[in-house]
């Protein structure tokens, strides 16, 4: 009832929520894109977009249509892939998303090994916050996500990768261990809202009034920047163990009242029926081999939710 091209326009407009941006993305004029979407609506006898809302939104019918359109476009891509394979010009592409506090050490450590294990495969890697990453996974915009668990979704396969301790960056203080209640004496420097390590830090360290302007002076966007703020202005921030390249006195092991250490579980999520699993599996196994095997019996695994 509607064409592949019209479906592409619908998907683009939904993601951009702006006619001009969607038309530029599709390499057509704005009147052309608008006309084709109106033709699609006329063919279906229903509105796809509610143009009275700003920004533009899908109608209830449009939400359901979008799911079908994405499935059809994916199958159309598989037909193109089949033709390219037949012509001997096909190159598999993997799209992987990683949260920033894992990407900071994982990608420099592992990328060369991934390239060696997957010759002839084009790997696209993007940093995303957890909420954006899960949305991209839901929309099937990526093939695999690497994030901090837990995450339970019956539609997806969850693969444990490794556990890592979270330490306090607290230069100038003596000793290698600090009790969690002692951290209340220091100013905490947090990642920007939306980063799961921020939420874990707030929960474990029992930080209150995080929106109080008198208490919170700054929210940084990356760990290196927060460490610099600690060095300049005092206080502390939390750093995942694998982010630390060498042991230094500035990093303190944190213990709660029963001797548990804060930690997070790093997981991968993929579709249950991913046709790219044969290419994703080597990446998963290489990560597990590099970072796995640590004793986690005394870890308190923190939730990012």
C-alpha atoms as a PDB file:
ATOM      1  CA  UNK A   1       0.000   0.000   0.000  1.00  0.00           C
ATOM      2  CA  UNK A   2       2.951   2.302   0.561  1.00  0.00           C
ATOM      3  CA  UNK A   3       6.407   2.169  -1.010  1.00  0.00           C
ATOM      4  CA  UNK A   4       9.798   1.320   0.478  1.00  0.00           C
ATOM      5  CA  UNK A   5      10.840   4.911  -0.171  1.00  0.00           C
ATOM      6  CA  UNK A   6       7.834   6.263   1.717  1.00  0.00           C
ATOM      7  CA  UNK A   7       8.687   3.978   4.642  1.00  0.00           C
ATOM      8  CA  UNK A   8      12.234   5.376   4.664  1.00  0.00           C
ATOM      9  CA  UNK A   9      10.819   8.906   4.771  1.00  0.00           C
ATOM     10  CA  UNK A  10       8.480   7.997   7.653  1.00  0.00           C
ATOM     11  CA  UNK A  11      11.341   6.502   9.699  1.00  0.00           C
ATOM     12  CA  UNK A  12      13.597   9.497   9.012  1.00  0.00           C
ATOM     13  CA  UNK A  13      10.915  12.028   9.925  1.00  0.00           C
ATOM     14  CA  UNK A  14      10.104  10.179  13.140  1.00  0.00           C
ATOM     15  CA  UNK A  15      13.763  10.199  14.193  1.00  0.00           C
ATOM     16  CA  UNK A  16      14.460  13.793  13.193  1.00  0.00           C
ATOM     17  CA  UNK A  17      11.019  15.223  14.176  1.00  0.00           C
ATOM     18  CA  UNK A  18      11.668  18.006  11.673  1.00  0.00           C
ATOM     19  CA  UNK A  19      10.768  18.062   7.951  1.00  0.00           C
ATOM     20  CA  UNK A  20      13.848  19.984   6.830  1.00  0.00           C
ATOM     21  CA  UNK A  21      16.290  17.775   8.744  1.00  0.00           C
ATOM     22  CA  UNK A  22      14.549  14.599   7.545  1.00  0.00           C
ATOM     23  CA  UNK A  23      14.623  15.755   3.912  1.00  0.00           C
ATOM     24  CA  UNK A  24      18.349  16.569   4.162  1.00  0.00           C
ATOM     25  CA  UNK A  25      18.999  13.149   5.631  1.00  0.00           C
ATOM     26  CA  UNK A  26      17.101  11.504   2.752  1.00  0.00           C
ATOM     27  CA  UNK A  27      18.757  13.741   0.107  1.00  0.00           C
ATOM     28  CA  UNK A  28      15.447  15.111  -1.181  1.00  0.00           C
ATOM     29  CA  UNK A  29      13.746  18.492  -0.989  1.00  0.00           C
ATOM     30  CA  UNK A  30      11.400  19.218   1.895  1.00  0.00           C
ATOM     31  CA  UNK A  31       8.325  19.517  -0.410  1.00  0.00           C
ATOM     32  CA  UNK A  32       9.153  16.107  -1.911  1.00  0.00           C
ATOM     33  CA  UNK A  33       9.375  14.409   1.463  1.00  0.00           C
ATOM     34  CA  UNK A  34       6.224  16.124   2.726  1.00  0.00           C
ATOM     35  CA  UNK A  35       4.299  15.204  -0.431  1.00  0.00           C
ATOM     36  CA  UNK A  36       5.357  11.522  -0.234  1.00  0.00           C
ATOM     37  CA  UNK A  37       4.279  11.227   3.400  1.00  0.00           C
ATOM     38  CA  UNK A  38       0.921  12.822   2.566  1.00  0.00           C
ATOM     39  CA  UNK A  39       0.532  10.310  -0.286  1.00  0.00           C
ATOM     40  CA  UNK A  40       1.262   7.477   2.147  1.00  0.00           C
ATOM     41  CA  UNK A  41      -1.363   8.816   4.541  1.00  0.00           C
ATOM     42  CA  UNK A  42      -3.861   9.112   1.698  1.00  0.00           C
ATOM     43  CA  UNK A  43      -3.185   5.506   0.617  1.00  0.00           C
ATOM     44  CA  UNK A  44      -3.674   4.249   4.160  1.00  0.00           C
ATOM     45  CA  UNK A  45      -6.615   6.524   4.919  1.00  0.00           C
ATOM     46  CA  UNK A  46      -5.071   7.523   8.247  1.00  0.00           C
ATOM     47  CA  UNK A  47      -2.744  10.183   9.580  1.00  0.00           C
ATOM     48  CA  UNK A  48       0.762   8.981  10.443  1.00  0.00           C
ATOM     49  CA  UNK A  49       2.005  12.198  12.084  1.00  0.00           C
ATOM     50  CA  UNK A  50       0.260  14.709  14.326  1.00  0.00           C
ATOM     51  CA  UNK A  51       1.393  17.985  12.750  1.00  0.00           C
ATOM     52  CA  UNK A  52      -0.289  20.100  15.427  1.00  0.00           C
ATOM     53  CA  UNK A  53       2.301  19.050  18.010  1.00  0.00           C
ATOM     54  CA  UNK A  54       5.712  20.628  18.426  1.00  0.00           C
ATOM     55  CA  UNK A  55       7.950  18.796  17.996  1.00  0.00           C
ATOM     56  CA  UNK A  56       6.186  16.558  15.509  1.00  0.00           C
ATOM     57  CA  UNK A  57       4.791  13.310  16.937  1.00  0.00           C
ATOM     58  CA  UNK A  58       3.449  10.045  15.565  1.00  0.00           C
ATOM     59  CA  UNK A  59      -0.245   9.325  15.878  1.00  0.00           C
ATOM     60  CA  UNK A  60      -1.277   6.125  17.651  1.00  0.00           C
ATOM     61  CA  UNK A  61      -1.614   4.515  14.221  1.00  0.00           C
ATOM     62  CA  UNK A  62       1.794   5.902  13.236  1.00  0.00           C
ATOM     63  CA  UNK A  63       3.446   4.242  16.246  1.00  0.00           C
ATOM     64  CA  UNK A  64       2.186   0.837  15.110  1.00  0.00           C
ATOM     65  CA  UNK A  65       3.011   1.522  11.466  1.00  0.00           C
ATOM     66  CA  UNK A  66       6.572   2.500  12.371  1.00  0.00           C
ATOM     67  CA  UNK A  67       7.231  -0.944  13.874  1.00  0.00           C
ATOM     68  CA  UNK A  68       6.100  -2.645  10.672  1.00  0.00           C
ATOM     69  CA  UNK A  69       8.016  -0.191   8.473  1.00  0.00           C
ATOM     70  CA  UNK A  70      11.250  -0.874  10.340  1.00  0.00           C
ATOM     71  CA  UNK A  71      10.758  -4.632   9.918  1.00  0.00           C
ATOM     72  CA  UNK A  72      10.079  -4.238   6.194  1.00  0.00           C
ATOM     73  CA  UNK A  73      13.139  -2.023   5.707  1.00  0.00           C
ATOM     74  CA  UNK A  74      15.340  -4.529   7.540  1.00  0.00           C
ATOM     75  CA  UNK A  75      14.090  -7.329   5.288  1.00  0.00           C
ATOM     76  CA  UNK A  76      14.700  -5.121   2.267  1.00  0.00           C
ATOM     77  CA  UNK A  77      18.286  -4.635   3.458  1.00  0.00           C
ATOM     78  CA  UNK A  78      18.637  -8.408   3.638  1.00  0.00           C
ATOM     79  CA  UNK A  79      17.617  -8.656  -0.011  1.00  0.00           C
ATOM     80  CA  UNK A  80      20.302  -6.100  -0.908  1.00  0.00           C
ATOM     81  CA  UNK A  81      22.764  -8.106   1.156  1.00  0.00           C
ATOM     82  CA  UNK A  82      21.821 -11.283  -0.709  1.00  0.00           C
ATOM     83  CA  UNK A  83      22.470  -9.577  -4.047  1.00  0.00           C
ATOM     84  CA  UNK A  84      25.816  -8.189  -2.846  1.00  0.00           C
ATOM     85  CA  UNK A  85      26.865 -11.607  -1.569  1.00  0.00           C
ATOM     86  CA  UNK A  86      26.006 -13.101  -4.944  1.00  0.00           C
ATOM     87  CA  UNK A  87      28.140 -10.425  -6.625  1.00  0.00           C
ATOM     88  CA  UNK A  88      31.000 -11.010  -4.188  1.00  0.00           C
ATOM     89  CA  UNK A  89      31.015  -7.417  -2.902  1.00  0.00           C
ATOM     90  CA  UNK A  90      29.272  -7.834   0.449  1.00  0.00           C
ATOM     91  CA  UNK A  91      31.023  -6.732   3.658  1.00  0.00           C
ATOM     92  CA  UNK A  92      29.388  -7.514   7.007  1.00  0.00           C
ATOM     93  CA  UNK A  93      28.820  -4.513   9.274  1.00  0.00           C
ATOM     94  CA  UNK A  94      28.529  -4.602  13.050  1.00  0.00           C
ATOM     95  CA  UNK A  95      27.072  -1.712  15.015  1.00  0.00           C
ATOM     96  CA  UNK A  96      28.029  -1.728  18.684  1.00  0.00           C
ATOM     97  CA  UNK A  97      27.143   0.801  21.388  1.00  0.00           C
ATOM     98  CA  UNK A  98      29.097   1.140  24.659  1.00  0.00           C
ATOM     99  CA  UNK A  99      28.414   3.350  27.671  1.00  0.00           C
ATOM    100  CA  UNK A 100      31.134   6.019  28.143  1.00  0.00           C
ATOM    101  CA  UNK A 101      32.531   4.763  31.481  1.00  0.00           C
ATOM    102  CA  UNK A 102      33.277   1.384  29.869  1.00  0.00           C
ATOM    103  CA  UNK A 103      34.276   2.657  26.421  1.00  0.00           C
ATOM    104  CA  UNK A 104      37.031   4.778  28.031  1.00  0.00           C
ATOM    105  CA  UNK A 105      39.196   1.715  28.637  1.00  0.00           C
ATOM    106  CA  UNK A 106      37.535  -1.103  26.673  1.00  0.00           C
ATOM    107  CA  UNK A 107      37.973   0.348  23.189  1.00  0.00           C
ATOM    108  CA  UNK A 108      41.679   1.281  23.494  1.00  0.00           C
ATOM    109  CA  UNK A 109      42.390  -2.140  25.048  1.00  0.00           C
ATOM    110  CA  UNK A 110      40.331  -4.338  22.715  1.00  0.00           C
ATOM    111  CA  UNK A 111      39.852  -2.735  19.313  1.00  0.00           C
ATOM    112  CA  UNK A 112      43.040  -4.151  17.748  1.00  0.00           C
ATOM    113  CA  UNK A 113      42.090  -7.663  18.895  1.00  0.00           C
ATOM    114  CA  UNK A 114      38.588  -7.269  17.475  1.00  0.00           C
ATOM    115  CA  UNK A 115      39.986  -6.182  14.098  1.00  0.00           C
ATOM    116  CA  UNK A 116      42.375  -9.139  14.023  1.00  0.00           C
ATOM    117  CA  UNK A 117      39.619 -11.613  14.923  1.00  0.00           C
ATOM    118  CA  UNK A 118      37.115 -10.154  12.433  1.00  0.00           C
ATOM    119  CA  UNK A 119      38.958  -9.461   9.204  1.00  0.00           C
ATOM    120  CA  UNK A 120      36.650  -8.300   6.446  1.00  0.00           C
ATOM    121  CA  UNK A 121      34.033  -6.995   8.896  1.00  0.00           C
ATOM    122  CA  UNK A 122      33.301  -3.286   9.251  1.00  0.00           C
ATOM    123  CA  UNK A 123      32.838  -2.397  12.937  1.00  0.00           C
ATOM    124  CA  UNK A 124      31.036   0.803  13.895  1.00  0.00           C
ATOM    125  CA  UNK A 125      31.256   1.734  17.588  1.00  0.00           C
ATOM    126  CA  UNK A 126      29.344   4.528  19.291  1.00  0.00           C
ATOM    127  CA  UNK A 127      29.335   5.810  22.857  1.00  0.00           C
ATOM    128  CA  UNK A 128      25.817   6.171  24.294  1.00  0.00           C
ATOM    129  CA  UNK A 129      24.268   6.756  27.679  1.00  0.00           C
ATOM    130  CA  UNK A 130      22.381   3.748  28.991  1.00  0.00           C
ATOM    131  CA  UNK A 131      18.895   5.070  28.215  1.00  0.00           C
ATOM    132  CA  UNK A 132      19.874   6.001  24.639  1.00  0.00           C
ATOM    133  CA  UNK A 133      21.610   2.674  24.157  1.00  0.00           C
ATOM    134  CA  UNK A 134      18.543   0.707  25.269  1.00  0.00           C
ATOM    135  CA  UNK A 135      16.348   2.779  22.961  1.00  0.00           C
ATOM    136  CA  UNK A 136      18.690   2.076  20.029  1.00  0.00           C
ATOM    137  CA  UNK A 137      18.586  -1.619  20.899  1.00  0.00           C
ATOM    138  CA  UNK A 138      14.788  -1.559  21.027  1.00  0.00           C
ATOM    139  CA  UNK A 139      14.657   0.123  17.618  1.00  0.00           C
ATOM    140  CA  UNK A 140      17.227  -2.367  16.283  1.00  0.00           C
ATOM    141  CA  UNK A 141      19.584   0.458  15.364  1.00  0.00           C
ATOM    142  CA  UNK A 142      22.525  -1.443  16.884  1.00  0.00           C
ATOM    143  CA  UNK A 143      23.535  -5.111  16.919  1.00  0.00           C
ATOM    144  CA  UNK A 144      25.011  -5.286  20.422  1.00  0.00           C
ATOM    145  CA  UNK A 145      25.150  -3.071  23.505  1.00  0.00           C
ATOM    146  CA  UNK A 146      27.759  -3.136  26.263  1.00  0.00           C
ATOM    147  CA  UNK A 147      26.617  -1.607  29.545  1.00  0.00           C
ATOM    148  CA  UNK A 148      26.423  -2.028  33.306  1.00  0.00           C
ATOM    149  CA  UNK A 149      23.805  -4.499  34.480  1.00  0.00           C
ATOM    150  CA  UNK A 150      21.407  -5.576  35.581  1.00  0.00           C
ATOM    151  CA  UNK A 151      19.055  -5.419  32.620  1.00  0.00           C
ATOM    152  CA  UNK A 152      16.167  -7.820  32.192  1.00  0.00           C
ATOM    153  CA  UNK A 153      14.228  -7.912  28.942  1.00  0.00           C
ATOM    154  CA  UNK A 154      12.666 -11.131  27.674  1.00  0.00           C
ATOM    155  CA  UNK A 155      13.168  -9.933  24.097  1.00  0.00           C
ATOM    156  CA  UNK A 156      16.937  -9.739  24.512  1.00  0.00           C
ATOM    157  CA  UNK A 157      19.741 -12.107  25.431  1.00  0.00           C
ATOM    158  CA  UNK A 158      21.909 -10.912  28.329  1.00  0.00           C
ATOM    159  CA  UNK A 159      25.535 -12.101  28.414  1.00  0.00           C
ATOM    160  CA  UNK A 160      27.652 -11.493  31.564  1.00  0.00           C
ATOM    161  CA  UNK A 161      31.090 -10.177  30.615  1.00  0.00           C
ATOM    162  CA  UNK A 162      32.913  -9.358  33.863  1.00  0.00           C
ATOM    163  CA  UNK A 163      32.706  -7.689  37.269  1.00  0.00           C
ATOM    164  CA  UNK A 164      34.840  -4.729  38.271  1.00  0.00           C
ATOM    165  CA  UNK A 165      35.428  -3.012  41.571  1.00  0.00           C
ATOM    166  CA  UNK A 166      34.697   0.706  41.874  1.00  0.00           C
ATOM    167  CA  UNK A 167      37.301   2.744  43.759  1.00  0.00           C
ATOM    168  CA  UNK A 168      37.405   6.224  45.207  1.00  0.00           C
ATOM    169  CA  UNK A 169      39.810   8.737  43.708  1.00  0.00           C
ATOM    170  CA  UNK A 170      40.884  10.568  46.846  1.00  0.00           C
ATOM    171  CA  UNK A 171      44.421  11.993  46.577  1.00  0.00           C
ATOM    172  CA  UNK A 172      46.139  13.302  49.662  1.00  0.00           C
ATOM    173  CA  UNK A 173      44.559  10.854  52.095  1.00  0.00           C
ATOM    174  CA  UNK A 174      46.646   8.187  53.802  1.00  0.00           C
ATOM    175  CA  UNK A 175      45.993   4.467  53.517  1.00  0.00           C
ATOM    176  CA  UNK A 176      44.635   2.294  50.749  1.00  0.00           C
ATOM    177  CA  UNK A 177      41.192   1.588  52.270  1.00  0.00           C
ATOM    178  CA  UNK A 178      38.386   3.932  53.276  1.00  0.00           C
ATOM    179  CA  UNK A 179      35.115   3.114  55.017  1.00  0.00           C
ATOM    180  CA  UNK A 180      32.019   4.242  53.195  1.00  0.00           C
ATOM    181  CA  UNK A 181      30.860   6.422  56.106  1.00  0.00           C
ATOM    182  CA  UNK A 182      34.158   8.335  55.957  1.00  0.00           C
ATOM    183  CA  UNK A 183      33.366   9.504  52.423  1.00  0.00           C
ATOM    184  CA  UNK A 184      30.667  11.788  53.815  1.00  0.00           C
ATOM    185  CA  UNK A 185      33.447  14.137  54.935  1.00  0.00           C
ATOM    186  CA  UNK A 186      34.391  14.841  51.318  1.00  0.00           C
ATOM    187  CA  UNK A 187      32.658  16.590  48.417  1.00  0.00           C
ATOM    188  CA  UNK A 188      31.563  14.127  45.715  1.00  0.00           C
ATOM    189  CA  UNK A 189      32.106  15.007  42.041  1.00  0.00           C
ATOM    190  CA  UNK A 190      29.502  13.346  39.834  1.00  0.00           C
ATOM    191  CA  UNK A 191      29.081  12.444  36.220  1.00  0.00           C
ATOM    192  CA  UNK A 192      26.290  14.183  34.334  1.00  0.00           C
ATOM    193  CA  UNK A 193      22.721  12.961  34.882  1.00  0.00           C
ATOM    194  CA  UNK A 194      21.983   9.963  32.679  1.00  0.00           C
ATOM    195  CA  UNK A 195      25.285   8.182  33.361  1.00  0.00           C
ATOM    196  CA  UNK A 196      24.711   4.946  35.240  1.00  0.00           C
ATOM    197  CA  UNK A 197      27.904   5.346  37.301  1.00  0.00           C
ATOM    198  CA  UNK A 198      26.408   8.538  38.732  1.00  0.00           C
ATOM    199  CA  UNK A 199      23.326   6.656  39.927  1.00  0.00           C
ATOM    200  CA  UNK A 200      25.460   3.874  41.401  1.00  0.00           C
ATOM    201  CA  UNK A 201      27.581   6.448  43.195  1.00  0.00           C
ATOM    202  CA  UNK A 202      24.536   8.207  44.659  1.00  0.00           C
ATOM    203  CA  UNK A 203      23.044   4.925  45.895  1.00  0.00           C
ATOM    204  CA  UNK A 204      26.167   3.339  47.355  1.00  0.00           C
ATOM    205  CA  UNK A 205      27.569   6.472  48.985  1.00  0.00           C
ATOM    206  CA  UNK A 206      24.082   7.456  50.217  1.00  0.00           C
ATOM    207  CA  UNK A 207      24.407  10.920  48.711  1.00  0.00           C
ATOM    208  CA  UNK A 208      21.369  13.093  49.386  1.00  0.00           C
ATOM    209  CA  UNK A 209      20.062  16.405  48.069  1.00  0.00           C
ATOM    210  CA  UNK A 210      21.760  15.928  44.703  1.00  0.00           C
ATOM    211  CA  UNK A 211      19.651  18.716  43.230  1.00  0.00           C
ATOM    212  CA  UNK A 212      20.438  21.238  45.995  1.00  0.00           C
ATOM    213  CA  UNK A 213      22.225  24.154  44.328  1.00  0.00           C
ATOM    214  CA  UNK A 214      24.020  25.015  47.575  1.00  0.00           C
ATOM    215  CA  UNK A 215      25.559  21.535  47.704  1.00  0.00           C
ATOM    216  CA  UNK A 216      26.255  20.715  44.063  1.00  0.00           C
ATOM    217  CA  UNK A 217      28.687  22.979  42.303  1.00  0.00           C
ATOM    218  CA  UNK A 218      29.448  21.035  39.139  1.00  0.00           C
ATOM    219  CA  UNK A 219      28.526  17.966  37.130  1.00  0.00           C
ATOM    220  CA  UNK A 220      31.202  16.676  34.788  1.00  0.00           C
ATOM    221  CA  UNK A 221      30.839  14.573  31.666  1.00  0.00           C
ATOM    222  CA  UNK A 222      33.872  12.300  31.884  1.00  0.00           C
ATOM    223  CA  UNK A 223      36.018  10.628  34.512  1.00  0.00           C
ATOM    224  CA  UNK A 224      39.304  12.345  33.587  1.00  0.00           C
ATOM    225  CA  UNK A 225      37.652  15.745  33.985  1.00  0.00           C
ATOM    226  CA  UNK A 226      36.225  14.805  37.373  1.00  0.00           C
ATOM    227  CA  UNK A 227      39.634  13.579  38.548  1.00  0.00           C
ATOM    228  CA  UNK A 228      41.074  16.935  37.562  1.00  0.00           C
ATOM    229  CA  UNK A 229      38.361  18.730  39.538  1.00  0.00           C
ATOM    230  CA  UNK A 230      39.237  16.609  42.571  1.00  0.00           C
ATOM    231  CA  UNK A 231      42.899  17.520  42.201  1.00  0.00           C
ATOM    232  CA  UNK A 232      42.111  21.225  41.957  1.00  0.00           C
ATOM    233  CA  UNK A 233      39.273  21.562  44.459  1.00  0.00           C
ATOM    234  CA  UNK A 234      39.401  18.537  46.752  1.00  0.00           C
ATOM    235  CA  UNK A 235      36.729  15.920  47.341  1.00  0.00           C
ATOM    236  CA  UNK A 236      36.486  12.580  45.578  1.00  0.00           C
ATOM    237  CA  UNK A 237      34.996  10.781  42.615  1.00  0.00           C
ATOM    238  CA  UNK A 238      34.448   7.098  41.827  1.00  0.00           C
ATOM    239  CA  UNK A 239      36.481   5.289  39.184  1.00  0.00           C
ATOM    240  CA  UNK A 240      35.950   1.753  37.780  1.00  0.00           C
ATOM    241  CA  UNK A 241      38.917  -0.562  38.442  1.00  0.00           C
ATOM    242  CA  UNK A 242      39.681  -1.208  34.777  1.00  0.00           C
ATOM    243  CA  UNK A 243      39.877   2.520  34.118  1.00  0.00           C
ATOM    244  CA  UNK A 244      42.925   2.646  36.413  1.00  0.00           C
ATOM    245  CA  UNK A 245      46.064   1.830  34.462  1.00  0.00           C
ATOM    246  CA  UNK A 246      48.286   1.349  37.517  1.00  0.00           C
ATOM    247  CA  UNK A 247      47.852   1.209  41.259  1.00  0.00           C
ATOM    248  CA  UNK A 248      48.389   4.575  42.933  1.00  0.00           C
ATOM    249  CA  UNK A 249      47.919   5.809  46.476  1.00  0.00           C
ATOM    250  CA  UNK A 250      45.267   8.212  45.180  1.00  0.00           C
ATOM    251  CA  UNK A 251      42.823   5.336  44.626  1.00  0.00           C
ATOM    252  CA  UNK A 252      41.157   3.927  47.728  1.00  0.00           C
ATOM    253  CA  UNK A 253      39.350   0.644  48.185  1.00  0.00           C
ATOM    254  CA  UNK A 254      35.891   1.377  49.625  1.00  0.00           C
ATOM    255  CA  UNK A 255      34.339  -0.954  52.176  1.00  0.00           C
ATOM    256  CA  UNK A 256      30.904  -0.935  53.726  1.00  0.00           C
ATOM    257  CA  UNK A 257      30.119  -2.000  57.305  1.00  0.00           C
ATOM    258  CA  UNK A 258      30.303  -5.724  56.468  1.00  0.00           C
ATOM    259  CA  UNK A 259      33.442  -5.514  54.353  1.00  0.00           C
ATOM    260  CA  UNK A 260      31.828  -5.576  50.917  1.00  0.00           C
ATOM    261  CA  UNK A 261      33.385  -3.663  48.039  1.00  0.00           C
ATOM    262  CA  UNK A 262      31.273  -1.664  45.558  1.00  0.00           C
ATOM    263  CA  UNK A 263      31.327  -3.181  42.076  1.00  0.00           C
ATOM    264  CA  UNK A 264      29.387  -3.295  38.861  1.00  0.00           C
ATOM    265  CA  UNK A 265      28.630  -6.125  36.469  1.00  0.00           C
ATOM    266  CA  UNK A 266      29.358  -5.377  32.839  1.00  0.00           C
ATOM    267  CA  UNK A 267      27.072  -7.150  30.381  1.00  0.00           C
ATOM    268  CA  UNK A 268      26.361  -7.384  26.672  1.00  0.00           C
ATOM    269  CA  UNK A 269      22.856  -7.536  25.255  1.00  0.00           C
ATOM    270  CA  UNK A 270      21.927  -8.857  21.820  1.00  0.00           C
ATOM    271  CA  UNK A 271      18.794  -9.970  20.052  1.00  0.00           C
ATOM    272  CA  UNK A 272      17.842 -13.594  20.737  1.00  0.00           C
ATOM    273  CA  UNK A 273      17.761 -14.291  17.013  1.00  0.00           C
ATOM    274  CA  UNK A 274      20.603 -12.079  15.872  1.00  0.00           C
ATOM    275  CA  UNK A 275      21.821 -13.288  12.502  1.00  0.00           C
ATOM    276  CA  UNK A 276      25.148 -11.579  13.286  1.00  0.00           C
ATOM    277  CA  UNK A 277      25.904 -13.649  16.385  1.00  0.00           C
ATOM    278  CA  UNK A 278      28.721 -15.537  14.609  1.00  0.00           C
ATOM    279  CA  UNK A 279      30.545 -12.189  14.325  1.00  0.00           C
ATOM    280  CA  UNK A 280      29.518 -10.825  17.733  1.00  0.00           C
ATOM    281  CA  UNK A 281      30.524 -13.937  19.663  1.00  0.00           C
ATOM    282  CA  UNK A 282      34.302 -13.491  19.112  1.00  0.00           C
ATOM    283  CA  UNK A 283      34.033  -9.955  20.515  1.00  0.00           C
ATOM    284  CA  UNK A 284      32.173 -11.244  23.582  1.00  0.00           C
ATOM    285  CA  UNK A 285      34.702 -14.030  24.194  1.00  0.00           C
ATOM    286  CA  UNK A 286      37.688 -11.697  23.840  1.00  0.00           C
ATOM    287  CA  UNK A 287      36.216  -9.312  26.425  1.00  0.00           C
ATOM    288  CA  UNK A 288      35.485 -12.152  28.847  1.00  0.00           C
ATOM    289  CA  UNK A 289      39.018 -13.502  28.431  1.00  0.00           C
ATOM    290  CA  UNK A 290      40.633 -10.086  28.992  1.00  0.00           C
ATOM    291  CA  UNK A 291      38.642  -8.898  32.016  1.00  0.00           C
ATOM    292  CA  UNK A 292      36.900 -11.950  33.467  1.00  0.00           C
ATOM    293  CA  UNK A 293      37.997 -14.417  36.115  1.00  0.00           C
ATOM    294  CA  UNK A 294      38.225 -12.016  39.077  1.00  0.00           C
ATOM    295  CA  UNK A 295      37.091 -13.135  42.527  1.00  0.00           C
ATOM    296  CA  UNK A 296      33.753 -11.422  43.101  1.00  0.00           C
ATOM    297  CA  UNK A 297      32.730 -13.095  46.359  1.00  0.00           C
ATOM    298  CA  UNK A 298      33.148  -9.887  48.390  1.00  0.00           C
ATOM    299  CA  UNK A 299      31.576  -7.544  45.809  1.00  0.00           C
ATOM    300  CA  UNK A 300      28.342  -5.645  46.345  1.00  0.00           C
ATOM    301  CA  UNK A 301      27.062  -5.288  42.794  1.00  0.00           C
ATOM    302  CA  UNK A 302      25.400  -1.905  42.396  1.00  0.00           C
ATOM    303  CA  UNK A 303      22.315  -1.198  40.316  1.00  0.00           C
ATOM    304  CA  UNK A 304      22.243   1.750  37.922  1.00  0.00           C
ATOM    305  CA  UNK A 305      18.439   2.075  38.154  1.00  0.00           C
END
